[in-house]
Structures are given as structure tokens and as C-alpha cells.
N, C-alpha and C. Protein backbone atom coordinates (compact mmCIF):
# COMPACT_ATOMS: atom_id res chain seq x y z
N MET A 1 105.29 91.97 144.36
CA MET A 1 104.32 91.83 143.46
C MET A 1 104.14 90.27 143.37
N LYS A 2 102.67 90.32 143.43
CA LYS A 2 102.28 88.76 143.29
C LYS A 2 102.46 87.90 141.80
N ARG A 3 102.74 86.86 141.57
CA ARG A 3 102.83 86.26 140.47
C ARG A 3 101.81 85.25 140.45
N ILE A 4 101.02 85.41 138.90
CA ILE A 4 100.23 84.28 138.82
C ILE A 4 100.63 82.95 138.22
N VAL A 5 100.39 81.96 138.70
CA VAL A 5 101.06 80.60 138.33
C VAL A 5 99.76 79.90 137.82
N PHE A 6 99.90 79.42 136.46
CA PHE A 6 98.67 78.61 135.73
C PHE A 6 99.38 77.07 135.85
N ARG A 7 98.30 76.34 135.94
CA ARG A 7 98.62 74.84 136.12
C ARG A 7 99.14 74.39 134.85
N LYS A 8 99.78 73.02 134.74
CA LYS A 8 100.39 72.68 133.40
C LYS A 8 98.97 72.43 132.44
N PRO A 9 97.94 71.77 132.57
CA PRO A 9 96.87 71.49 131.67
C PRO A 9 96.64 72.83 131.09
N PHE A 10 95.96 74.01 131.78
CA PHE A 10 96.09 75.14 131.24
C PHE A 10 96.97 75.75 130.37
N ARG A 11 98.16 75.66 130.76
CA ARG A 11 99.25 76.01 129.79
C ARG A 11 99.64 75.16 128.64
N SER A 12 99.27 73.94 128.69
CA SER A 12 99.44 73.02 127.56
C SER A 12 97.97 73.15 126.45
N ARG A 13 97.23 73.46 126.96
CA ARG A 13 95.89 73.97 125.91
C ARG A 13 96.31 75.26 125.36
N LEU A 14 96.70 76.22 126.13
CA LEU A 14 96.90 77.54 125.58
C LEU A 14 98.08 77.32 124.46
N SER A 15 99.11 76.59 124.97
CA SER A 15 99.99 76.63 124.07
C SER A 15 99.33 75.89 122.57
N GLU A 16 98.80 75.01 122.68
CA GLU A 16 98.05 74.32 121.46
C GLU A 16 97.29 75.25 120.59
N LYS A 17 96.51 76.18 121.43
CA LYS A 17 95.84 77.12 120.89
C LYS A 17 96.57 77.89 120.00
N LEU A 18 97.59 78.53 120.56
CA LEU A 18 98.34 79.39 120.27
C LEU A 18 99.23 78.99 118.78
N MET A 19 99.44 77.67 118.87
CA MET A 19 100.11 76.90 117.54
C MET A 19 99.04 76.91 116.62
N GLU A 20 97.80 76.78 117.09
CA GLU A 20 96.73 76.82 115.80
C GLU A 20 96.31 78.04 115.31
N LEU A 21 96.59 78.98 116.34
CA LEU A 21 96.41 80.46 115.54
C LEU A 21 97.56 80.76 114.66
N GLY A 22 98.81 80.44 115.13
CA GLY A 22 99.85 80.46 114.25
C GLY A 22 99.56 79.78 112.67
N ASN A 23 98.95 78.69 112.86
CA ASN A 23 98.58 78.09 111.41
C ASN A 23 97.67 78.75 110.67
N LEU A 24 96.69 79.24 111.35
CA LEU A 24 95.83 80.07 110.88
C LEU A 24 96.31 81.39 109.99
N VAL A 25 97.21 81.98 110.74
CA VAL A 25 98.05 83.19 109.87
C VAL A 25 98.61 82.77 108.88
N ALA A 26 99.41 81.49 109.07
CA ALA A 26 100.25 80.84 107.83
C ALA A 26 99.42 80.73 106.67
N ILE A 27 98.06 80.28 106.95
CA ILE A 27 97.38 80.04 105.84
C ILE A 27 96.81 81.52 105.12
N ALA A 28 96.63 82.30 106.01
CA ALA A 28 95.99 83.51 105.58
C ALA A 28 96.93 84.28 104.75
N LEU A 29 98.06 84.50 105.42
CA LEU A 29 98.91 85.51 104.87
C LEU A 29 100.19 84.84 103.95
N VAL A 30 100.57 83.67 104.28
CA VAL A 30 101.81 83.12 103.70
C VAL A 30 101.07 82.31 102.55
N PHE A 31 100.34 81.34 102.48
CA PHE A 31 99.93 80.72 101.58
C PHE A 31 98.93 81.19 100.76
N GLY A 32 98.12 82.12 101.34
CA GLY A 32 97.02 82.77 100.78
C GLY A 32 97.55 83.62 99.69
N GLN A 33 99.00 84.20 99.62
CA GLN A 33 99.50 84.74 98.79
C GLN A 33 99.63 84.05 97.40
N PHE A 34 99.62 82.72 97.38
CA PHE A 34 99.81 82.21 96.05
C PHE A 34 98.25 81.68 95.45
N LEU A 35 97.05 82.20 96.21
CA LEU A 35 95.82 81.79 95.82
C LEU A 35 95.14 82.98 95.10
N ASP A 36 95.59 84.15 95.44
CA ASP A 36 95.25 85.37 94.97
C ASP A 36 95.59 85.92 93.60
N ASP A 37 94.38 86.53 92.87
CA ASP A 37 95.19 86.98 91.61
C ASP A 37 95.89 88.40 91.69
N ARG A 38 96.06 88.99 92.89
CA ARG A 38 97.02 89.98 93.00
C ARG A 38 98.46 89.71 93.07
N PRO A 39 99.37 90.73 92.69
CA PRO A 39 100.69 90.23 92.59
C PRO A 39 101.25 89.86 94.02
N PHE A 40 102.26 89.00 93.76
CA PHE A 40 102.74 88.49 95.16
C PHE A 40 103.51 89.93 95.97
N SER A 41 103.35 89.86 97.32
CA SER A 41 103.69 90.87 98.27
C SER A 41 104.77 90.50 99.25
N LEU A 42 105.73 90.69 98.88
CA LEU A 42 106.98 90.31 100.05
C LEU A 42 106.80 90.82 101.42
N GLN A 43 106.33 91.89 101.49
CA GLN A 43 105.96 92.48 102.79
C GLN A 43 104.76 91.66 103.51
N ILE A 44 103.98 91.30 102.87
CA ILE A 44 103.15 90.45 103.57
C ILE A 44 103.59 89.01 103.89
N PHE A 45 104.27 88.68 102.93
CA PHE A 45 104.92 87.31 103.04
C PHE A 45 105.71 87.19 104.30
N ILE A 46 106.46 88.08 104.18
CA ILE A 46 107.45 87.97 105.45
C ILE A 46 106.71 88.58 106.68
N GLY A 47 105.90 89.33 106.57
CA GLY A 47 105.09 89.64 107.75
C GLY A 47 104.37 88.32 108.51
N GLY A 48 103.90 87.43 107.53
CA GLY A 48 103.10 86.60 107.80
C GLY A 48 104.13 85.61 108.73
N VAL A 49 105.35 85.06 108.05
CA VAL A 49 106.25 84.38 108.41
C VAL A 49 106.64 84.61 110.00
N VAL A 50 107.06 86.07 110.02
CA VAL A 50 107.50 86.50 111.41
C VAL A 50 106.36 86.41 112.51
N ILE A 51 105.00 86.47 112.27
CA ILE A 51 103.90 86.51 112.82
C ILE A 51 103.89 84.96 113.44
N VAL A 52 103.86 84.25 112.38
CA VAL A 52 103.72 82.73 112.71
C VAL A 52 104.73 82.07 113.84
N LEU A 53 106.14 82.58 113.47
CA LEU A 53 107.35 81.98 114.23
C LEU A 53 107.12 82.84 115.52
N LEU A 54 106.57 84.22 115.87
CA LEU A 54 106.24 84.52 116.97
C LEU A 54 105.24 83.63 117.78
N PHE A 55 104.34 83.25 117.15
CA PHE A 55 103.09 82.19 117.89
C PHE A 55 103.71 81.15 118.26
N TYR A 56 104.72 80.68 117.39
CA TYR A 56 105.18 79.39 117.53
C TYR A 56 106.34 79.24 118.91
N LEU A 57 106.70 80.52 118.96
CA LEU A 57 107.95 80.65 120.07
C LEU A 57 107.15 80.75 121.36
N ALA A 58 106.11 81.61 121.01
CA ALA A 58 105.43 81.76 122.54
C ALA A 58 104.64 80.61 122.87
N SER A 59 104.22 79.79 121.91
CA SER A 59 103.66 78.32 122.29
C SER A 59 104.80 77.55 123.24
N TYR A 60 105.95 77.52 122.45
CA TYR A 60 106.95 76.93 123.09
C TYR A 60 107.44 77.35 124.49
N ILE A 61 107.61 78.49 124.73
CA ILE A 61 107.78 79.13 125.79
C ILE A 61 106.81 78.77 127.11
N ILE A 62 105.47 78.86 126.71
CA ILE A 62 104.40 78.76 127.50
C ILE A 62 104.41 77.41 127.99
N ASP A 63 104.83 76.44 127.16
CA ASP A 63 104.56 74.87 127.52
C ASP A 63 105.61 74.36 128.16
N LEU A 64 106.69 75.21 128.34
CA LEU A 64 108.13 74.78 129.15
C LEU A 64 107.68 74.32 130.69
């Protein structure tokens, strides 16, 4: 099976964009909890933190 290899500039840019996407998720799901009139949802907060960490981990692995 042939392996697809991407060059370093592409991997760096993809890594950067994944971190930006993680930041957007953090703003929407984690910090957005404190700006809304609805009661605090621990499930949404934890889900947002997990998704952010997954995006950051993927970004780190891609940029190796």
C-alpha cells in the first residue's frame, strides 16, 4: 500500500489551522458557557475541553 507523504510547509500550515480550530471550539463550547443565560452544563464543558485537547494533540502529531 502506497503511503501519502506531505511536505513540511503543508504539515505546518495544517497543524496551525487545527490549533485555530481548537481555539474556536474552546471559545464556543468552553468559554461560551459563561456568557449564556442558561445554566452551566458540565457535559458541554467537558466535551469542549476534550475536543480542544484532541485538536491540539493532532496538531502536535502532524507537525512532528
